[in-house]
Amino acid sequence: MTDKATAISELEDNYVGFRELIVNLPHDAYHEVFVGEWNLNKLLAHMAGWYREMSEAFNRVARGERPAPEGVDYSDEDRWNARFASQSKDGPAALDDFDEAFHIYYAAAKALGEEFYGMDAEKGRPKIGNRLLQGSGTGHFAEHRPQLEAWLASRGG
């Protein structure tokens, strides 16, 4: 598992690469459905929602708290995804919202101490910083970039 600097760099590289694919799309492209029932507006809102939610998880961990607030369960991803997608903006405003949420997430990840990154040898798993980045950051890009690329190829873009 990667150290903090490498994990943050990978997150940034993934964001830049993902964003470059969509930054010049025309407004009407944001309405084309290509991920299940979602268009680009909804996909970006879904990702932005997780960034905002996990930004707070980073902040809680930094304060010595557990990542999820008491009584909150992130395991029902479909419910969370639907909630986030329902908050979508339209066209370039969706990209602006995505950018804003990403930068909050990125800042929270960077603010978390080095000791929260890497491999937890005792538990045999990545530390919480890496897990939070994988779930809603680099893992999210790995999940959605191929879908985005396939859609762009299908539309000749």
N, C-alpha and C. Protein backbone atom coordinates (compact mmCIF):
# COMPACT_ATOMS: atom_id res chain seq x y z
N MET A 1 0.85 -1.18 0.00
CA MET A 1 0.00 0.00 0.00
C MET A 1 0.89 1.22 0.00
N THR A 2 0.44 2.25 -0.64
CA THR A 2 1.27 3.43 -0.87
C THR A 2 1.28 4.38 0.32
N ASP A 3 2.36 5.12 0.41
CA ASP A 3 2.46 6.15 1.43
C ASP A 3 1.58 7.33 1.05
N LYS A 4 1.51 8.31 1.93
CA LYS A 4 0.62 9.45 1.72
C LYS A 4 0.95 10.21 0.44
N ALA A 5 2.21 10.55 0.25
CA ALA A 5 2.58 11.35 -0.93
C ALA A 5 2.20 10.64 -2.23
N THR A 6 2.46 9.36 -2.29
CA THR A 6 2.12 8.59 -3.49
C THR A 6 0.61 8.49 -3.67
N ALA A 7 -0.09 8.23 -2.58
CA ALA A 7 -1.55 8.11 -2.65
C ALA A 7 -2.19 9.42 -3.11
N ILE A 8 -1.72 10.53 -2.59
CA ILE A 8 -2.26 11.85 -2.98
C ILE A 8 -1.93 12.14 -4.43
N SER A 9 -0.72 11.82 -4.84
CA SER A 9 -0.31 12.04 -6.23
C SER A 9 -1.16 11.21 -7.19
N GLU A 10 -1.44 9.96 -6.83
CA GLU A 10 -2.28 9.10 -7.66
C GLU A 10 -3.69 9.67 -7.76
N LEU A 11 -4.21 10.17 -6.65
CA LEU A 11 -5.54 10.78 -6.66
C LEU A 11 -5.57 11.97 -7.61
N GLU A 12 -4.59 12.84 -7.49
CA GLU A 12 -4.53 14.03 -8.34
C GLU A 12 -4.41 13.65 -9.82
N ASP A 13 -3.54 12.69 -10.12
CA ASP A 13 -3.37 12.25 -11.52
C ASP A 13 -4.67 11.70 -12.09
N ASN A 14 -5.37 10.91 -11.29
CA ASN A 14 -6.64 10.35 -11.74
C ASN A 14 -7.68 11.44 -11.98
N TYR A 15 -7.74 12.40 -11.10
CA TYR A 15 -8.68 13.52 -11.25
C TYR A 15 -8.38 14.29 -12.54
N VAL A 16 -7.14 14.65 -12.73
CA VAL A 16 -6.75 15.43 -13.92
C VAL A 16 -7.10 14.66 -15.19
N GLY A 17 -6.75 13.38 -15.23
CA GLY A 17 -7.04 12.57 -16.41
C GLY A 17 -8.52 12.42 -16.69
N PHE A 18 -9.30 12.24 -15.65
CA PHE A 18 -10.76 12.11 -15.78
C PHE A 18 -11.36 13.42 -16.27
N ARG A 19 -10.96 14.50 -15.64
CA ARG A 19 -11.50 15.82 -15.97
C ARG A 19 -11.17 16.24 -17.40
N GLU A 20 -9.96 15.92 -17.83
CA GLU A 20 -9.55 16.28 -19.20
C GLU A 20 -10.46 15.65 -20.25
N LEU A 21 -11.04 14.50 -19.94
CA LEU A 21 -11.93 13.83 -20.88
C LEU A 21 -13.25 14.57 -21.08
N ILE A 22 -13.66 15.36 -20.09
CA ILE A 22 -14.99 15.96 -20.15
C ILE A 22 -15.01 17.48 -20.21
N VAL A 23 -13.91 18.11 -19.92
CA VAL A 23 -13.91 19.57 -19.78
C VAL A 23 -14.39 20.31 -21.03
N ASN A 24 -14.17 19.79 -22.20
CA ASN A 24 -14.55 20.48 -23.43
C ASN A 24 -15.84 19.96 -24.06
N LEU A 25 -16.57 19.13 -23.34
CA LEU A 25 -17.83 18.61 -23.89
C LEU A 25 -18.87 19.72 -23.98
N PRO A 26 -19.71 19.66 -25.01
CA PRO A 26 -20.79 20.64 -25.12
C PRO A 26 -21.86 20.37 -24.06
N HIS A 27 -22.64 21.37 -23.77
CA HIS A 27 -23.68 21.29 -22.75
C HIS A 27 -24.62 20.10 -22.97
N ASP A 28 -25.05 19.88 -24.21
CA ASP A 28 -26.01 18.81 -24.46
C ASP A 28 -25.44 17.42 -24.16
N ALA A 29 -24.14 17.26 -24.20
CA ALA A 29 -23.53 15.95 -23.89
C ALA A 29 -23.80 15.52 -22.46
N TYR A 30 -23.95 16.46 -21.56
CA TYR A 30 -24.19 16.15 -20.15
C TYR A 30 -25.53 15.44 -19.94
N HIS A 31 -26.40 15.46 -20.94
CA HIS A 31 -27.73 14.86 -20.83
C HIS A 31 -27.79 13.46 -21.41
N GLU A 32 -26.73 13.01 -22.05
CA GLU A 32 -26.73 11.68 -22.67
C GLU A 32 -26.52 10.61 -21.59
N VAL A 33 -27.42 9.66 -21.56
CA VAL A 33 -27.36 8.57 -20.57
C VAL A 33 -26.32 7.55 -21.03
N PHE A 34 -25.42 7.16 -20.12
CA PHE A 34 -24.41 6.17 -20.47
C PHE A 34 -23.97 5.29 -19.31
N VAL A 35 -24.38 5.56 -18.11
CA VAL A 35 -24.06 4.70 -16.95
C VAL A 35 -25.40 4.28 -16.35
N GLY A 36 -25.89 3.12 -16.78
CA GLY A 36 -27.21 2.70 -16.32
C GLY A 36 -28.25 3.72 -16.76
N GLU A 37 -28.87 4.36 -15.78
CA GLU A 37 -29.86 5.41 -16.06
C GLU A 37 -29.27 6.81 -15.90
N TRP A 38 -27.98 6.88 -15.66
CA TRP A 38 -27.34 8.17 -15.37
C TRP A 38 -26.72 8.80 -16.61
N ASN A 39 -26.84 10.11 -16.65
CA ASN A 39 -26.11 10.91 -17.63
C ASN A 39 -24.88 11.49 -16.92
N LEU A 40 -24.13 12.32 -17.61
CA LEU A 40 -22.92 12.89 -17.03
C LEU A 40 -23.24 13.78 -15.83
N ASN A 41 -24.33 14.53 -15.89
CA ASN A 41 -24.73 15.35 -14.75
C ASN A 41 -24.86 14.50 -13.49
N LYS A 42 -25.55 13.38 -13.62
CA LYS A 42 -25.80 12.52 -12.46
C LYS A 42 -24.53 11.80 -12.00
N LEU A 43 -23.71 11.37 -12.94
CA LEU A 43 -22.45 10.72 -12.57
C LEU A 43 -21.57 11.68 -11.78
N LEU A 44 -21.43 12.90 -12.26
CA LEU A 44 -20.61 13.88 -11.56
C LEU A 44 -21.18 14.21 -10.18
N ALA A 45 -22.50 14.30 -10.08
CA ALA A 45 -23.14 14.57 -8.78
C ALA A 45 -22.91 13.42 -7.81
N HIS A 46 -22.98 12.21 -8.33
CA HIS A 46 -22.72 11.01 -7.52
C HIS A 46 -21.29 11.06 -6.97
N MET A 47 -20.34 11.35 -7.82
CA MET A 47 -18.95 11.41 -7.37
C MET A 47 -18.74 12.58 -6.40
N ALA A 48 -19.33 13.74 -6.71
CA ALA A 48 -19.21 14.90 -5.84
C ALA A 48 -19.83 14.63 -4.46
N GLY A 49 -20.94 13.92 -4.44
CA GLY A 49 -21.59 13.59 -3.17
C GLY A 49 -20.69 12.74 -2.29
N TRP A 50 -20.05 11.74 -2.89
CA TRP A 50 -19.12 10.91 -2.12
C TRP A 50 -17.90 11.71 -1.67
N TYR A 51 -17.42 12.62 -2.52
CA TYR A 51 -16.29 13.46 -2.09
C TYR A 51 -16.67 14.27 -0.86
N ARG A 52 -17.83 14.87 -0.89
CA ARG A 52 -18.25 15.68 0.25
C ARG A 52 -18.41 14.83 1.51
N GLU A 53 -19.05 13.69 1.33
CA GLU A 53 -19.28 12.81 2.48
C GLU A 53 -17.95 12.30 3.06
N MET A 54 -17.03 11.90 2.19
CA MET A 54 -15.77 11.35 2.67
C MET A 54 -14.78 12.44 3.11
N SER A 55 -14.98 13.67 2.66
CA SER A 55 -14.18 14.78 3.19
C SER A 55 -14.41 14.89 4.69
N GLU A 56 -15.66 14.76 5.08
CA GLU A 56 -15.99 14.79 6.50
C GLU A 56 -15.43 13.57 7.23
N ALA A 57 -15.36 12.44 6.54
CA ALA A 57 -14.76 11.25 7.16
C ALA A 57 -13.28 11.50 7.44
N PHE A 58 -12.56 12.10 6.49
CA PHE A 58 -11.16 12.46 6.73
C PHE A 58 -11.06 13.38 7.94
N ASN A 59 -11.94 14.38 8.01
CA ASN A 59 -11.90 15.33 9.12
C ASN A 59 -12.17 14.65 10.46
N ARG A 60 -13.12 13.72 10.47
CA ARG A 60 -13.41 13.00 11.71
C ARG A 60 -12.20 12.16 12.15
N VAL A 61 -11.59 11.46 11.20
CA VAL A 61 -10.42 10.64 11.53
C VAL A 61 -9.31 11.54 12.10
N ALA A 62 -9.10 12.69 11.51
CA ALA A 62 -8.07 13.61 11.99
C ALA A 62 -8.33 14.06 13.43
N ARG A 63 -9.61 14.11 13.81
CA ARG A 63 -9.98 14.50 15.18
C ARG A 63 -9.97 13.31 16.14
N GLY A 64 -9.62 12.13 15.63
CA GLY A 64 -9.58 10.95 16.48
C GLY A 64 -10.91 10.21 16.57
N GLU A 65 -11.82 10.55 15.69
CA GLU A 65 -13.13 9.90 15.68
C GLU A 65 -13.16 8.81 14.61
N ARG A 66 -14.21 8.02 14.63
CA ARG A 66 -14.39 7.03 13.58
C ARG A 66 -14.84 7.75 12.30
N PRO A 67 -14.57 7.16 11.13
CA PRO A 67 -14.87 7.85 9.87
C PRO A 67 -16.35 8.17 9.67
N ALA A 68 -17.22 7.25 10.03
CA ALA A 68 -18.65 7.47 9.86
C ALA A 68 -19.23 8.03 11.15
N PRO A 69 -20.12 9.00 11.05
CA PRO A 69 -20.75 9.50 12.27
C PRO A 69 -21.62 8.41 12.91
N GLU A 70 -21.82 8.54 14.18
CA GLU A 70 -22.65 7.58 14.91
C GLU A 70 -24.01 7.46 14.24
N GLY A 71 -24.43 6.22 13.99
CA GLY A 71 -25.74 5.97 13.41
C GLY A 71 -25.81 6.04 11.90
N VAL A 72 -24.70 6.37 11.24
CA VAL A 72 -24.69 6.47 9.78
C VAL A 72 -24.10 5.19 9.20
N ASP A 73 -24.77 4.65 8.21
CA ASP A 73 -24.33 3.41 7.57
C ASP A 73 -24.14 3.67 6.07
N TYR A 74 -22.90 3.51 5.62
CA TYR A 74 -22.60 3.73 4.21
C TYR A 74 -22.77 2.46 3.37
N SER A 75 -23.16 1.36 3.98
CA SER A 75 -23.21 0.09 3.25
C SER A 75 -24.32 0.02 2.20
N ASP A 76 -25.36 0.83 2.35
CA ASP A 76 -26.43 0.86 1.35
C ASP A 76 -26.05 1.87 0.27
N GLU A 77 -25.10 1.47 -0.56
CA GLU A 77 -24.54 2.38 -1.56
C GLU A 77 -25.60 2.86 -2.56
N ASP A 78 -26.54 2.01 -2.90
CA ASP A 78 -27.57 2.41 -3.87
C ASP A 78 -28.38 3.60 -3.36
N ARG A 79 -28.71 3.56 -2.08
CA ARG A 79 -29.48 4.66 -1.49
C ARG A 79 -28.65 5.95 -1.51
N TRP A 80 -27.39 5.85 -1.10
CA TRP A 80 -26.50 7.02 -1.10
C TRP A 80 -26.31 7.54 -2.52
N ASN A 81 -26.06 6.62 -3.45
CA ASN A 81 -25.84 7.02 -4.84
C ASN A 81 -27.06 7.74 -5.42
N ALA A 82 -28.24 7.23 -5.14
CA ALA A 82 -29.47 7.86 -5.63
C ALA A 82 -29.63 9.25 -5.02
N ARG A 83 -29.33 9.36 -3.76
CA ARG A 83 -29.41 10.66 -3.09
C ARG A 83 -28.46 11.66 -3.74
N PHE A 84 -27.22 11.25 -3.94
CA PHE A 84 -26.24 12.16 -4.54
C PHE A 84 -26.62 12.52 -5.97
N ALA A 85 -27.03 11.53 -6.75
CA ALA A 85 -27.38 11.77 -8.15
C ALA A 85 -28.58 12.72 -8.27
N SER A 86 -29.48 12.64 -7.30
CA SER A 86 -30.67 13.51 -7.35
C SER A 86 -30.32 14.98 -7.13
N GLN A 87 -29.12 15.25 -6.68
CA GLN A 87 -28.68 16.63 -6.41
C GLN A 87 -27.87 17.20 -7.57
N SER A 88 -28.00 16.59 -8.75
CA SER A 88 -27.16 16.99 -9.88
C SER A 88 -27.47 18.40 -10.36
N LYS A 89 -26.41 19.03 -10.80
CA LYS A 89 -26.49 20.33 -11.47
C LYS A 89 -26.55 20.04 -12.97
N ASP A 90 -26.66 21.08 -13.78
CA ASP A 90 -26.82 20.87 -15.21
C ASP A 90 -25.62 21.39 -16.00
N GLY A 91 -25.13 20.55 -16.90
CA GLY A 91 -24.07 20.95 -17.82
C GLY A 91 -22.79 21.34 -17.11
N PRO A 92 -22.15 22.39 -17.58
CA PRO A 92 -20.88 22.81 -16.97
C PRO A 92 -20.99 23.11 -15.47
N ALA A 93 -22.18 23.46 -14.99
CA ALA A 93 -22.36 23.65 -13.55
C ALA A 93 -22.14 22.34 -12.80
N ALA A 94 -22.45 21.21 -13.44
CA ALA A 94 -22.18 19.90 -12.83
C ALA A 94 -20.69 19.66 -12.69
N LEU A 95 -19.93 20.07 -13.70
CA LEU A 95 -18.48 19.95 -13.63
C LEU A 95 -17.91 20.89 -12.57
N ASP A 96 -18.44 22.09 -12.48
CA ASP A 96 -17.98 23.03 -11.44
C ASP A 96 -18.23 22.46 -10.05
N ASP A 97 -19.41 21.86 -9.85
CA ASP A 97 -19.75 21.25 -8.56
C ASP A 97 -18.81 20.08 -8.25
N PHE A 98 -18.56 19.25 -9.25
CA PHE A 98 -17.62 18.13 -9.12
C PHE A 98 -16.25 18.65 -8.72
N ASP A 99 -15.77 19.69 -9.41
CA ASP A 99 -14.46 20.26 -9.11
C ASP A 99 -14.40 20.78 -7.68
N GLU A 100 -15.42 21.51 -7.27
CA GLU A 100 -15.45 22.07 -5.92
C GLU A 100 -15.40 20.96 -4.87
N ALA A 101 -16.24 19.94 -5.05
CA ALA A 101 -16.28 18.83 -4.10
C ALA A 101 -14.95 18.08 -4.09
N PHE A 102 -14.35 17.87 -5.27
CA PHE A 102 -13.07 17.18 -5.32
C PHE A 102 -12.01 17.95 -4.54
N HIS A 103 -11.96 19.25 -4.71
CA HIS A 103 -10.92 20.04 -4.05
C HIS A 103 -11.09 20.04 -2.53
N ILE A 104 -12.31 19.97 -2.05
CA ILE A 104 -12.55 19.84 -0.61
C ILE A 104 -12.03 18.48 -0.13
N TYR A 105 -12.35 17.45 -0.88
CA TYR A 105 -11.91 16.08 -0.58
C TYR A 105 -10.38 15.99 -0.60
N TYR A 106 -9.79 16.53 -1.64
CA TYR A 106 -8.34 16.52 -1.81
C TYR A 106 -7.66 17.23 -0.64
N ALA A 107 -8.17 18.38 -0.25
CA ALA A 107 -7.60 19.14 0.87
C ALA A 107 -7.72 18.34 2.17
N ALA A 108 -8.85 17.68 2.37
CA ALA A 108 -9.04 16.88 3.59
C ALA A 108 -8.08 15.70 3.61
N ALA A 109 -7.88 15.07 2.45
CA ALA A 109 -6.94 13.94 2.37
C ALA A 109 -5.52 14.41 2.63
N LYS A 110 -5.15 15.55 2.09
CA LYS A 110 -3.80 16.10 2.30
C LYS A 110 -3.59 16.51 3.76
N ALA A 111 -4.64 16.97 4.42
CA ALA A 111 -4.52 17.44 5.80
C ALA A 111 -4.38 16.28 6.80
N LEU A 112 -4.83 15.10 6.41
CA LEU A 112 -4.73 13.94 7.30
C LEU A 112 -3.27 13.53 7.45
N GLY A 113 -2.86 13.24 8.65
CA GLY A 113 -1.46 12.92 8.95
C GLY A 113 -0.92 11.69 8.23
N GLU A 114 0.36 11.72 8.00
CA GLU A 114 1.09 10.62 7.34
C GLU A 114 0.83 9.27 8.02
N GLU A 115 0.66 9.30 9.34
CA GLU A 115 0.48 8.05 10.09
C GLU A 115 -0.81 7.30 9.72
N PHE A 116 -1.71 7.96 9.00
CA PHE A 116 -2.97 7.33 8.60
C PHE A 116 -2.90 6.71 7.21
N TYR A 117 -1.72 6.72 6.62
CA TYR A 117 -1.52 6.17 5.27
C TYR A 117 -0.53 5.02 5.31
N GLY A 118 -0.62 4.16 4.32
CA GLY A 118 0.28 3.02 4.23
C GLY A 118 -0.45 1.74 4.60
N MET A 119 0.32 0.75 4.99
CA MET A 119 -0.24 -0.56 5.33
C MET A 119 -0.24 -0.74 6.84
N ASP A 120 -1.34 -1.22 7.36
CA ASP A 120 -1.43 -1.57 8.78
C ASP A 120 -1.02 -3.03 8.89
N ALA A 121 0.23 -3.25 9.26
CA ALA A 121 0.78 -4.62 9.31
C ALA A 121 0.04 -5.48 10.33
N GLU A 122 -0.37 -4.88 11.41
CA GLU A 122 -1.06 -5.62 12.46
C GLU A 122 -2.42 -6.15 11.98
N LYS A 123 -3.14 -5.33 11.24
CA LYS A 123 -4.47 -5.72 10.76
C LYS A 123 -4.42 -6.33 9.36
N GLY A 124 -3.27 -6.23 8.70
CA GLY A 124 -3.12 -6.80 7.38
C GLY A 124 -3.98 -6.13 6.31
N ARG A 125 -4.15 -4.82 6.45
CA ARG A 125 -4.94 -4.08 5.48
C ARG A 125 -4.41 -2.65 5.39
N PRO A 126 -4.83 -1.94 4.34
CA PRO A 126 -4.41 -0.53 4.23
C PRO A 126 -4.96 0.28 5.40
N LYS A 127 -4.23 1.33 5.74
CA LYS A 127 -4.69 2.24 6.78
C LYS A 127 -5.85 3.08 6.26
N ILE A 128 -6.52 3.76 7.16
CA ILE A 128 -7.77 4.45 6.85
C ILE A 128 -7.62 5.52 5.76
N GLY A 129 -6.52 6.24 5.73
CA GLY A 129 -6.33 7.25 4.68
C GLY A 129 -6.38 6.63 3.31
N ASN A 130 -5.69 5.52 3.14
CA ASN A 130 -5.70 4.82 1.86
C ASN A 130 -7.07 4.24 1.54
N ARG A 131 -7.75 3.73 2.54
CA ARG A 131 -9.08 3.16 2.31
C ARG A 131 -10.08 4.24 1.89
N LEU A 132 -10.00 5.40 2.51
CA LEU A 132 -10.90 6.49 2.13
C LEU A 132 -10.59 7.00 0.73
N LEU A 133 -9.33 7.02 0.36
CA LEU A 133 -8.97 7.43 -1.01
C LEU A 133 -9.39 6.39 -2.03
N GLN A 134 -9.23 5.13 -1.69
CA GLN A 134 -9.59 4.07 -2.63
C GLN A 134 -11.09 4.03 -2.87
N GLY A 135 -11.85 4.12 -1.81
CA GLY A 135 -13.30 3.98 -1.95
C GLY A 135 -13.96 5.06 -2.78
N SER A 136 -13.64 6.30 -2.51
CA SER A 136 -14.35 7.37 -3.20
C SER A 136 -13.44 8.22 -4.09
N GLY A 137 -12.16 7.91 -4.11
CA GLY A 137 -11.22 8.66 -4.93
C GLY A 137 -10.68 7.84 -6.08
N THR A 138 -9.51 7.26 -5.89
CA THR A 138 -8.87 6.52 -6.99
C THR A 138 -9.72 5.34 -7.45
N GLY A 139 -10.37 4.68 -6.52
CA GLY A 139 -11.24 3.56 -6.90
C GLY A 139 -12.44 4.01 -7.71
N HIS A 140 -12.94 5.19 -7.38
CA HIS A 140 -14.07 5.73 -8.12
C HIS A 140 -13.67 6.08 -9.55
N PHE A 141 -12.47 6.65 -9.70
CA PHE A 141 -12.00 6.95 -11.05
C PHE A 141 -11.79 5.65 -11.83
N ALA A 142 -11.24 4.63 -11.17
CA ALA A 142 -11.02 3.34 -11.83
C ALA A 142 -12.33 2.71 -12.27
N GLU A 143 -13.37 2.92 -11.50
CA GLU A 143 -14.70 2.38 -11.84
C GLU A 143 -15.34 3.14 -13.00
N HIS A 144 -15.28 4.46 -12.94
CA HIS A 144 -16.06 5.27 -13.89
C HIS A 144 -15.30 5.75 -15.12
N ARG A 145 -13.99 5.80 -15.08
CA ARG A 145 -13.26 6.26 -16.26
C ARG A 145 -13.48 5.33 -17.47
N PRO A 146 -13.42 4.01 -17.31
CA PRO A 146 -13.69 3.14 -18.48
C PRO A 146 -15.10 3.36 -19.05
N GLN A 147 -16.07 3.59 -18.19
CA GLN A 147 -17.43 3.87 -18.67
C GLN A 147 -17.45 5.17 -19.46
N LEU A 148 -16.78 6.17 -18.92
CA LEU A 148 -16.71 7.47 -19.59
C LEU A 148 -16.00 7.35 -20.94
N GLU A 149 -14.88 6.64 -20.96
CA GLU A 149 -14.13 6.47 -22.21
C GLU A 149 -14.94 5.71 -23.26
N ALA A 150 -15.66 4.68 -22.83
CA ALA A 150 -16.49 3.91 -23.77
C ALA A 150 -17.60 4.80 -24.35
N TRP A 151 -18.21 5.60 -23.50
CA TRP A 151 -19.26 6.52 -23.96
C TRP A 151 -18.69 7.54 -24.95
N LEU A 152 -17.56 8.12 -24.60
CA LEU A 152 -16.96 9.11 -25.48
C LEU A 152 -16.59 8.49 -26.83
N ALA A 153 -16.07 7.27 -26.80
CA ALA A 153 -15.73 6.59 -28.05
C ALA A 153 -16.99 6.33 -28.89
N SER A 154 -18.08 5.97 -28.22
CA SER A 154 -19.32 5.68 -28.93
C SER A 154 -19.93 6.92 -29.59
N ARG A 155 -19.62 8.07 -29.04
CA ARG A 155 -20.18 9.31 -29.59
C ARG A 155 -19.17 10.01 -30.48
N GLY A 156 -18.04 9.35 -30.71
CA GLY A 156 -17.02 9.93 -31.59
C GLY A 156 -16.19 11.00 -30.94
N GLY A 157 -16.22 11.05 -29.58
CA GLY A 157 -15.47 12.09 -28.87
C GLY A 157 -14.36 11.57 -28.17
